[in-house]
Amino acid sequence: AAHAMLIPFGGSSWNDDIINAGSEQDAGVAWLNYLGP
């Protein structure tokens, strides 16, 4: 068992632009989630 903010096929998602360390340029969009172990 585990807990999560969002689950697959749950109808919700959240994404944002990502910046790699050492750069100020957006590297692309990724989807985000918070999880338990």
PDB file of all heavy atoms in Angstrom:
ATOM      1  N   ALA A   1       0.853  -1.193   0.000  1.00  0.00           N
ATOM      2  CA  ALA A   1       0.000   0.000   0.000  1.00  0.00           C
ATOM      3  C   ALA A   1       0.884   1.236   0.000  1.00  0.00           C
ATOM      4  O   ALA A   1       2.016   1.211   0.487  1.00  0.00           O
ATOM      5  CB  ALA A   1      -0.929   0.004   1.208  1.00  0.00           C
ATOM      6  N   ALA A   2       0.381   2.312  -0.561  1.00  0.00           N
ATOM      7  CA  ALA A   2       1.116   3.580  -0.598  1.00  0.00           C
ATOM      8  C   ALA A   2       0.121   4.701  -0.851  1.00  0.00           C
ATOM      9  O   ALA A   2      -0.992   4.467  -1.329  1.00  0.00           O
ATOM     10  CB  ALA A   2       2.177   3.565  -1.688  1.00  0.00           C
ATOM     11  N   HIS A   3       0.519   5.907  -0.527  1.00  0.00           N
ATOM     12  CA  HIS A   3      -0.347   7.036  -0.825  1.00  0.00           C
ATOM     13  C   HIS A   3       0.305   7.926  -1.880  1.00  0.00           C
ATOM     14  O   HIS A   3       1.523   7.910  -2.076  1.00  0.00           O
ATOM     15  CB  HIS A   3      -0.684   7.837   0.431  1.00  0.00           C
ATOM     16  CG  HIS A   3       0.475   8.559   1.046  1.00  0.00           C
ATOM     17  ND1 HIS A   3       1.428   7.931   1.797  1.00  0.00           N
ATOM     18  CD2 HIS A   3       0.826   9.863   1.004  1.00  0.00           C
ATOM     19  CE1 HIS A   3       2.314   8.811   2.218  1.00  0.00           C
ATOM     20  NE2 HIS A   3       1.987   9.992   1.743  1.00  0.00           N
ATOM     21  N   ALA A   4      -0.521   8.706  -2.575  1.00  0.00           N
ATOM     22  CA  ALA A   4      -0.041   9.568  -3.650  1.00  0.00           C
ATOM     23  C   ALA A   4      -1.000  10.735  -3.819  1.00  0.00           C
ATOM     24  O   ALA A   4      -2.196  10.623  -3.531  1.00  0.00           O
ATOM     25  CB  ALA A   4       0.064   8.792  -4.956  1.00  0.00           C
ATOM     26  N   MET A   5      -0.456  11.856  -4.290  1.00  0.00           N
ATOM     27  CA  MET A   5      -1.304  13.007  -4.566  1.00  0.00           C
ATOM     28  C   MET A   5      -2.173  12.743  -5.790  1.00  0.00           C
ATOM     29  O   MET A   5      -3.360  13.048  -5.813  1.00  0.00           O
ATOM     30  CB  MET A   5      -0.445  14.253  -4.794  1.00  0.00           C
ATOM     31  CG  MET A   5      -1.248  15.529  -4.985  1.00  0.00           C
ATOM     32  SD  MET A   5      -0.213  16.990  -5.234  1.00  0.00           S
ATOM     33  CE  MET A   5       0.373  16.694  -6.908  1.00  0.00           C
ATOM     34  N   LEU A   6      -1.568  12.144  -6.833  1.00  0.00           N
ATOM     35  CA  LEU A   6      -2.274  11.822  -8.073  1.00  0.00           C
ATOM     36  C   LEU A   6      -2.052  10.352  -8.397  1.00  0.00           C
ATOM     37  O   LEU A   6      -1.005   9.793  -8.082  1.00  0.00           O
ATOM     38  CB  LEU A   6      -1.745  12.681  -9.231  1.00  0.00           C
ATOM     39  CG  LEU A   6      -1.793  14.196  -9.042  1.00  0.00           C
ATOM     40  CD1 LEU A   6      -1.054  14.891 -10.179  1.00  0.00           C
ATOM     41  CD2 LEU A   6      -3.228  14.691  -8.966  1.00  0.00           C
ATOM     42  N   ILE A   7      -3.038   9.723  -9.036  1.00  0.00           N
ATOM     43  CA  ILE A   7      -2.912   8.322  -9.409  1.00  0.00           C
ATOM     44  C   ILE A   7      -3.199   8.158 -10.901  1.00  0.00           C
ATOM     45  O   ILE A   7      -3.913   8.967 -11.498  1.00  0.00           O
ATOM     46  CB  ILE A   7      -3.861   7.426  -8.599  1.00  0.00           C
ATOM     47  CG1 ILE A   7      -5.320   7.828  -8.835  1.00  0.00           C
ATOM     48  CG2 ILE A   7      -3.527   7.472  -7.125  1.00  0.00           C
ATOM     49  CD1 ILE A   7      -6.321   6.878  -8.224  1.00  0.00           C
ATOM     50  N   PRO A   8      -2.630   7.121 -11.532  1.00  0.00           N
ATOM     51  CA  PRO A   8      -2.899   6.898 -12.951  1.00  0.00           C
ATOM     52  C   PRO A   8      -4.391   6.729 -13.233  1.00  0.00           C
ATOM     53  O   PRO A   8      -5.115   6.106 -12.462  1.00  0.00           O
ATOM     54  CB  PRO A   8      -2.127   5.597 -13.243  1.00  0.00           C
ATOM     55  CG  PRO A   8      -1.052   5.553 -12.211  1.00  0.00           C
ATOM     56  CD  PRO A   8      -1.662   6.149 -10.981  1.00  0.00           C
ATOM     57  N   PHE A   9      -4.838   7.347 -14.335  1.00  0.00           N
ATOM     58  CA  PHE A   9      -6.237   7.284 -14.782  1.00  0.00           C
ATOM     59  C   PHE A   9      -7.191   7.877 -13.752  1.00  0.00           C
ATOM     60  O   PHE A   9      -8.366   7.523 -13.703  1.00  0.00           O
ATOM     61  CB  PHE A   9      -6.643   5.838 -15.121  1.00  0.00           C
ATOM     62  CG  PHE A   9      -5.712   5.179 -16.090  1.00  0.00           C
ATOM     63  CD1 PHE A   9      -4.736   4.302 -15.653  1.00  0.00           C
ATOM     64  CD2 PHE A   9      -5.779   5.470 -17.442  1.00  0.00           C
ATOM     65  CE1 PHE A   9      -3.843   3.716 -16.540  1.00  0.00           C
ATOM     66  CE2 PHE A   9      -4.889   4.891 -18.338  1.00  0.00           C
ATOM     67  CZ  PHE A   9      -3.918   4.017 -17.893  1.00  0.00           C
ATOM     68  N   GLY A  10      -6.672   8.790 -12.932  1.00  0.00           N
ATOM     69  CA  GLY A  10      -7.500   9.437 -11.915  1.00  0.00           C
ATOM     70  C   GLY A  10      -8.163  10.707 -12.390  1.00  0.00           C
ATOM     71  O   GLY A  10      -8.936  11.319 -11.654  1.00  0.00           O
ATOM     72  N   GLY A  11      -7.846  11.149 -13.611  1.00  0.00           N
ATOM     73  CA  GLY A  11      -8.487  12.333 -14.164  1.00  0.00           C
ATOM     74  C   GLY A  11      -7.777  13.633 -13.866  1.00  0.00           C
ATOM     75  O   GLY A  11      -8.240  14.698 -14.294  1.00  0.00           O
ATOM     76  N   SER A  12      -6.655  13.605 -13.138  1.00  0.00           N
ATOM     77  CA  SER A  12      -5.925  14.830 -12.804  1.00  0.00           C
ATOM     78  C   SER A  12      -4.454  14.671 -13.150  1.00  0.00           C
ATOM     79  O   SER A  12      -3.902  13.570 -13.045  1.00  0.00           O
ATOM     80  CB  SER A  12      -6.067  15.153 -11.315  1.00  0.00           C
ATOM     81  OG  SER A  12      -7.420  15.355 -10.965  1.00  0.00           O
ATOM     82  N   SER A  13      -3.817  15.765 -13.521  1.00  0.00           N
ATOM     83  CA  SER A  13      -2.382  15.762 -13.781  1.00  0.00           C
ATOM     84  C   SER A  13      -1.839  17.157 -13.534  1.00  0.00           C
ATOM     85  O   SER A  13      -2.591  18.136 -13.431  1.00  0.00           O
ATOM     86  CB  SER A  13      -2.076  15.297 -15.208  1.00  0.00           C
ATOM     87  OG  SER A  13      -2.627  16.200 -16.157  1.00  0.00           O
ATOM     88  N   TRP A  14      -0.495  17.261 -13.481  1.00  0.00           N
ATOM     89  CA  TRP A  14       0.160  18.522 -13.159  1.00  0.00           C
ATOM     90  C   TRP A  14       1.535  18.500 -13.801  1.00  0.00           C
ATOM     91  O   TRP A  14       2.279  17.537 -13.632  1.00  0.00           O
ATOM     92  CB  TRP A  14       0.246  18.642 -11.634  1.00  0.00           C
ATOM     93  CG  TRP A  14       1.141  19.714 -11.088  1.00  0.00           C
ATOM     94  CD1 TRP A  14       1.372  20.950 -11.606  1.00  0.00           C
ATOM     95  CD2 TRP A  14       1.924  19.624  -9.898  1.00  0.00           C
ATOM     96  NE1 TRP A  14       2.246  21.635 -10.816  1.00  0.00           N
ATOM     97  CE2 TRP A  14       2.602  20.856  -9.752  1.00  0.00           C
ATOM     98  CE3 TRP A  14       2.119  18.633  -8.934  1.00  0.00           C
ATOM     99  CZ2 TRP A  14       3.461  21.114  -8.692  1.00  0.00           C
ATOM    100  CZ3 TRP A  14       2.971  18.886  -7.882  1.00  0.00           C
ATOM    101  CH2 TRP A  14       3.624  20.117  -7.765  1.00  0.00           C
ATOM    102  N   ASN A  15       1.856  19.536 -14.565  1.00  0.00           N
ATOM    103  CA  ASN A  15       3.175  19.577 -15.183  1.00  0.00           C
ATOM    104  C   ASN A  15       3.795  20.959 -15.047  1.00  0.00           C
ATOM    105  O   ASN A  15       3.125  21.932 -14.695  1.00  0.00           O
ATOM    106  CB  ASN A  15       3.113  19.135 -16.655  1.00  0.00           C
ATOM    107  CG  ASN A  15       2.212  20.028 -17.492  1.00  0.00           C
ATOM    108  OD1 ASN A  15       2.152  21.230 -17.302  1.00  0.00           O
ATOM    109  ND2 ASN A  15       1.492  19.425 -18.439  1.00  0.00           N
ATOM    110  N   ASP A  16       5.103  21.023 -15.327  1.00  0.00           N
ATOM    111  CA  ASP A  16       5.821  22.291 -15.226  1.00  0.00           C
ATOM    112  C   ASP A  16       7.103  22.208 -16.051  1.00  0.00           C
ATOM    113  O   ASP A  16       7.544  21.115 -16.437  1.00  0.00           O
ATOM    114  CB  ASP A  16       6.151  22.601 -13.770  1.00  0.00           C
ATOM    115  CG  ASP A  16       6.027  24.098 -13.474  1.00  0.00           C
ATOM    116  OD1 ASP A  16       6.329  24.905 -14.389  1.00  0.00           O
ATOM    117  OD2 ASP A  16       5.632  24.450 -12.348  1.00  0.00           O
ATOM    118  N   ASP A  17       7.693  23.366 -16.315  1.00  0.00           N
ATOM    119  CA  ASP A  17       8.959  23.425 -17.039  1.00  0.00           C
ATOM    120  C   ASP A  17      10.108  23.067 -16.107  1.00  0.00           C
ATOM    121  O   ASP A  17      10.109  23.438 -14.920  1.00  0.00           O
ATOM    122  CB  ASP A  17       9.181  24.833 -17.607  1.00  0.00           C
ATOM    123  CG  ASP A  17       8.195  25.160 -18.719  1.00  0.00           C
ATOM    124  OD1 ASP A  17       7.995  24.297 -19.591  1.00  0.00           O
ATOM    125  OD2 ASP A  17       7.632  26.259 -18.712  1.00  0.00           O
ATOM    126  N   ILE A  18      11.101  22.375 -16.643  1.00  0.00           N
ATOM    127  CA  ILE A  18      12.239  21.906 -15.867  1.00  0.00           C
ATOM    128  C   ILE A  18      13.513  22.595 -16.345  1.00  0.00           C
ATOM    129  O   ILE A  18      13.718  22.773 -17.548  1.00  0.00           O
ATOM    130  CB  ILE A  18      12.405  20.378 -16.007  1.00  0.00           C
ATOM    131  CG1 ILE A  18      11.090  19.673 -15.627  1.00  0.00           C
ATOM    132  CG2 ILE A  18      13.559  19.883 -15.143  1.00  0.00           C
ATOM    133  CD1 ILE A  18      10.577  19.983 -14.239  1.00  0.00           C
ATOM    134  N   ILE A  19      14.356  22.984 -15.380  1.00  0.00           N
ATOM    135  CA  ILE A  19      15.640  23.611 -15.681  1.00  0.00           C
ATOM    136  C   ILE A  19      16.734  22.747 -15.074  1.00  0.00           C
ATOM    137  O   ILE A  19      16.755  22.521 -13.858  1.00  0.00           O
ATOM    138  CB  ILE A  19      15.710  25.035 -15.101  1.00  0.00           C
ATOM    139  CG1 ILE A  19      14.568  25.895 -15.662  1.00  0.00           C
ATOM    140  CG2 ILE A  19      17.066  25.677 -15.399  1.00  0.00           C
ATOM    141  CD1 ILE A  19      14.430  27.241 -14.988  1.00  0.00           C
ATOM    142  N   ASN A  20      17.624  22.224 -15.895  1.00  0.00           N
ATOM    143  CA  ASN A  20      18.716  21.405 -15.383  1.00  0.00           C
ATOM    144  C   ASN A  20      19.731  22.270 -14.647  1.00  0.00           C
ATOM    145  O   ASN A  20      19.927  23.452 -14.969  1.00  0.00           O
ATOM    146  CB  ASN A  20      19.403  20.658 -16.535  1.00  0.00           C
ATOM    147  CG  ASN A  20      18.528  19.552 -17.093  1.00  0.00           C
ATOM    148  OD1 ASN A  20      17.829  18.860 -16.347  1.00  0.00           O
ATOM    149  ND2 ASN A  20      18.556  19.367 -18.404  1.00  0.00           N
ATOM    150  N   ALA A  21      20.381  21.697 -13.646  1.00  0.00           N
ATOM    151  CA  ALA A  21      21.390  22.422 -12.869  1.00  0.00           C
ATOM    152  C   ALA A  21      22.489  22.939 -13.788  1.00  0.00           C
ATOM    153  O   ALA A  21      22.910  22.255 -14.729  1.00  0.00           O
ATOM    154  CB  ALA A  21      21.980  21.504 -11.806  1.00  0.00           C
ATOM    155  N   GLY A  22      22.931  24.180 -13.528  1.00  0.00           N
ATOM    156  CA  GLY A  22      23.971  24.776 -14.339  1.00  0.00           C
ATOM    157  C   GLY A  22      23.468  25.481 -15.573  1.00  0.00           C
ATOM    158  O   GLY A  22      24.247  25.961 -16.383  1.00  0.00           O
ATOM    159  N   SER A  23      22.144  25.533 -15.732  1.00  0.00           N
ATOM    160  CA  SER A  23      21.553  26.179 -16.906  1.00  0.00           C
ATOM    161  C   SER A  23      20.408  27.080 -16.462  1.00  0.00           C
ATOM    162  O   SER A  23      19.826  26.893 -15.389  1.00  0.00           O
ATOM    163  CB  SER A  23      21.027  25.134 -17.892  1.00  0.00           C
ATOM    164  OG  SER A  23      20.301  25.746 -18.943  1.00  0.00           O
ATOM    165  N   GLU A  24      20.088  28.053 -17.281  1.00  0.00           N
ATOM    166  CA  GLU A  24      18.926  28.905 -17.043  1.00  0.00           C
ATOM    167  C   GLU A  24      17.859  28.690 -18.110  1.00  0.00           C
ATOM    168  O   GLU A  24      16.852  29.387 -18.134  1.00  0.00           O
ATOM    169  CB  GLU A  24      19.351  30.378 -17.011  1.00  0.00           C
ATOM    170  CG  GLU A  24      20.214  30.749 -15.810  1.00  0.00           C
ATOM    171  CD  GLU A  24      19.504  30.523 -14.474  1.00  0.00           C
ATOM    172  OE1 GLU A  24      18.294  30.803 -14.402  1.00  0.00           O
ATOM    173  OE2 GLU A  24      20.154  30.051 -13.521  1.00  0.00           O
ATOM    174  N   GLN A  25      18.082  27.714 -18.977  1.00  0.00           N
ATOM    175  CA  GLN A  25      17.159  27.439 -20.073  1.00  0.00           C
ATOM    176  C   GLN A  25      16.215  26.301 -19.706  1.00  0.00           C
ATOM    177  O   GLN A  25      16.625  25.315 -19.094  1.00  0.00           O
ATOM    178  CB  GLN A  25      17.931  27.070 -21.344  1.00  0.00           C
ATOM    179  CG  GLN A  25      18.892  28.151 -21.815  1.00  0.00           C
ATOM    180  CD  GLN A  25      18.188  29.431 -22.207  1.00  0.00           C
ATOM    181  OE1 GLN A  25      17.138  29.391 -22.852  1.00  0.00           O
ATOM    182  NE2 GLN A  25      18.750  30.560 -21.806  1.00  0.00           N
ATOM    183  N   ASP A  26      14.946  26.447 -20.088  1.00  0.00           N
ATOM    184  CA  ASP A  26      13.985  25.364 -19.873  1.00  0.00           C
ATOM    185  C   ASP A  26      14.407  24.149 -20.696  1.00  0.00           C
ATOM    186  O   ASP A  26      14.659  24.259 -21.903  1.00  0.00           O
ATOM    187  CB  ASP A  26      12.581  25.793 -20.292  1.00  0.00           C
ATOM    188  CG  ASP A  26      11.969  26.802 -19.322  1.00  0.00           C
ATOM    189  OD1 ASP A  26      12.473  26.902 -18.192  1.00  0.00           O
ATOM    190  OD2 ASP A  26      11.000  27.481 -19.706  1.00  0.00           O
ATOM    191  N   ALA A  27      14.482  23.001 -20.037  1.00  0.00           N
ATOM    192  CA  ALA A  27      14.886  21.770 -20.723  1.00  0.00           C
ATOM    193  C   ALA A  27      13.698  21.003 -21.278  1.00  0.00           C
ATOM    194  O   ALA A  27      13.875  20.042 -22.026  1.00  0.00           O
ATOM    195  CB  ALA A  27      15.680  20.877 -19.769  1.00  0.00           C
ATOM    196  N   GLY A  28      12.490  21.413 -20.913  1.00  0.00           N
ATOM    197  CA  GLY A  28      11.291  20.719 -21.371  1.00  0.00           C
ATOM    198  C   GLY A  28      10.261  20.631 -20.264  1.00  0.00           C
ATOM    199  O   GLY A  28      10.512  21.033 -19.123  1.00  0.00           O
ATOM    200  N   VAL A  29       9.123  20.082 -20.601  1.00  0.00           N
ATOM    201  CA  VAL A  29       8.013  19.951 -19.651  1.00  0.00           C
ATOM    202  C   VAL A  29       7.996  18.543 -19.077  1.00  0.00           C
ATOM    203  O   VAL A  29       8.174  17.566 -19.804  1.00  0.00           O
ATOM    204  CB  VAL A  29       6.668  20.262 -20.334  1.00  0.00           C
ATOM    205  CG1 VAL A  29       5.501  19.995 -19.387  1.00  0.00           C
ATOM    206  CG2 VAL A  29       6.638  21.699 -20.827  1.00  0.00           C
ATOM    207  N   ALA A  30       7.784  18.439 -17.770  1.00  0.00           N
ATOM    208  CA  ALA A  30       7.640  17.139 -17.110  1.00  0.00           C
ATOM    209  C   ALA A  30       6.404  17.166 -16.236  1.00  0.00           C
ATOM    210  O   ALA A  30       5.977  18.218 -15.760  1.00  0.00           O
ATOM    211  CB  ALA A  30       8.883  16.808 -16.283  1.00  0.00           C
ATOM    212  N   TRP A  31       5.840  15.985 -16.024  1.00  0.00           N
ATOM    213  CA  TRP A  31       4.673  15.832 -15.163  1.00  0.00           C
ATOM    214  C   TRP A  31       5.150  15.503 -13.745  1.00  0.00           C
ATOM    215  O   TRP A  31       6.145  14.784 -13.559  1.00  0.00           O
ATOM    216  CB  TRP A  31       3.754  14.749 -15.712  1.00  0.00           C
ATOM    217  CG  TRP A  31       2.840  15.264 -16.773  1.00  0.00           C
ATOM    218  CD1 TRP A  31       1.498  15.453 -16.676  1.00  0.00           C
ATOM    219  CD2 TRP A  31       3.185  15.662 -18.109  1.00  0.00           C
ATOM    220  NE1 TRP A  31       0.987  15.957 -17.849  1.00  0.00           N
ATOM    221  CE2 TRP A  31       2.006  16.089 -18.756  1.00  0.00           C
ATOM    222  CE3 TRP A  31       4.389  15.707 -18.820  1.00  0.00           C
ATOM    223  CZ2 TRP A  31       1.992  16.555 -20.062  1.00  0.00           C
ATOM    224  CZ3 TRP A  31       4.389  16.182 -20.133  1.00  0.00           C
ATOM    225  CH2 TRP A  31       3.192  16.590 -20.731  1.00  0.00           C
ATOM    226  N   LEU A  32       4.453  16.022 -12.734  1.00  0.00           N
ATOM    227  CA  LEU A  32       4.902  15.945 -11.351  1.00  0.00           C
ATOM    228  C   LEU A  32       3.905  15.190 -10.486  1.00  0.00           C
ATOM    229  O   LEU A  32       2.696  15.211 -10.735  1.00  0.00           O
ATOM    230  CB  LEU A  32       5.097  17.354 -10.782  1.00  0.00           C
ATOM    231  CG  LEU A  32       5.783  18.390 -11.689  1.00  0.00           C
ATOM    232  CD1 LEU A  32       5.831  19.753 -11.009  1.00  0.00           C
ATOM    233  CD2 LEU A  32       7.177  17.933 -12.070  1.00  0.00           C
ATOM    234  N   ASN A  33       4.426  14.548  -9.438  1.00  0.00           N
ATOM    235  CA  ASN A  33       3.559  13.839  -8.489  1.00  0.00           C
ATOM    236  C   ASN A  33       4.295  13.708  -7.160  1.00  0.00           C
ATOM    237  O   ASN A  33       5.528  13.679  -7.128  1.00  0.00           O
ATOM    238  CB  ASN A  33       3.190  12.449  -9.025  1.00  0.00           C
ATOM    239  CG  ASN A  33       1.938  11.898  -8.367  1.00  0.00           C
ATOM    240  OD1 ASN A  33       1.355  12.513  -7.473  1.00  0.00           O
ATOM    241  ND2 ASN A  33       1.521  10.720  -8.796  1.00  0.00           N
ATOM    242  N   TYR A  34       3.539  13.660  -6.078  1.00  0.00           N
ATOM    243  CA  TYR A  34       4.095  13.422  -4.743  1.00  0.00           C
ATOM    244  C   TYR A  34       3.625  12.062  -4.251  1.00  0.00           C
ATOM    245  O   TYR A  34       2.427  11.735  -4.341  1.00  0.00           O
ATOM    246  CB  TYR A  34       3.641  14.514  -3.770  1.00  0.00           C
ATOM    247  CG  TYR A  34       4.436  15.792  -3.899  1.00  0.00           C
ATOM    248  CD1 TYR A  34       4.035  16.791  -4.779  1.00  0.00           C
ATOM    249  CD2 TYR A  34       5.591  16.000  -3.148  1.00  0.00           C
ATOM    250  CE1 TYR A  34       4.761  17.967  -4.905  1.00  0.00           C
ATOM    251  CE2 TYR A  34       6.323  17.176  -3.270  1.00  0.00           C
ATOM    252  CZ  TYR A  34       5.905  18.154  -4.144  1.00  0.00           C
ATOM    253  OH  TYR A  34       6.636  19.307  -4.270  1.00  0.00           O
ATOM    254  N   LEU A  35       4.559  11.255  -3.723  1.00  0.00           N
ATOM    255  CA  LEU A  35       4.277   9.864  -3.375  1.00  0.00           C
ATOM    256  C   LEU A  35       4.794   9.527  -1.986  1.00  0.00           C
ATOM    257  O   LEU A  35       5.724  10.151  -1.483  1.00  0.00           O
ATOM    258  CB  LEU A  35       4.979   8.911  -4.353  1.00  0.00           C
ATOM    259  CG  LEU A  35       4.957   9.215  -5.838  1.00  0.00           C
ATOM    260  CD1 LEU A  35       5.888   8.248  -6.545  1.00  0.00           C
ATOM    261  CD2 LEU A  35       3.552   9.116  -6.377  1.00  0.00           C
ATOM    262  N   GLY A  36       4.228   8.454  -1.441  1.00  0.00           N
ATOM    263  CA  GLY A  36       4.784   7.847  -0.251  1.00  0.00           C
ATOM    264  C   GLY A  36       5.635   6.647  -0.631  1.00  0.00           C
ATOM    265  O   GLY A  36       5.555   6.139  -1.757  1.00  0.00           O
ATOM    266  N   PRO A  37       6.471   6.153   0.280  1.00  0.00           N
ATOM    267  CA  PRO A  37       7.277   4.950  -0.001  1.00  0.00           C
ATOM    268  C   PRO A  37       6.392   3.772  -0.385  1.00  0.00           C
ATOM    269  O   PRO A  37       5.278   3.622   0.134  1.00  0.00           O
ATOM    270  CB  PRO A  37       7.994   4.692   1.327  1.00  0.00           C
ATOM    271  CG  PRO A  37       8.008   6.018   2.024  1.00  0.00           C
ATOM    272  CD  PRO A  37       6.729   6.698   1.624  1.00  0.00           C
TER     273      PRO A  37
END
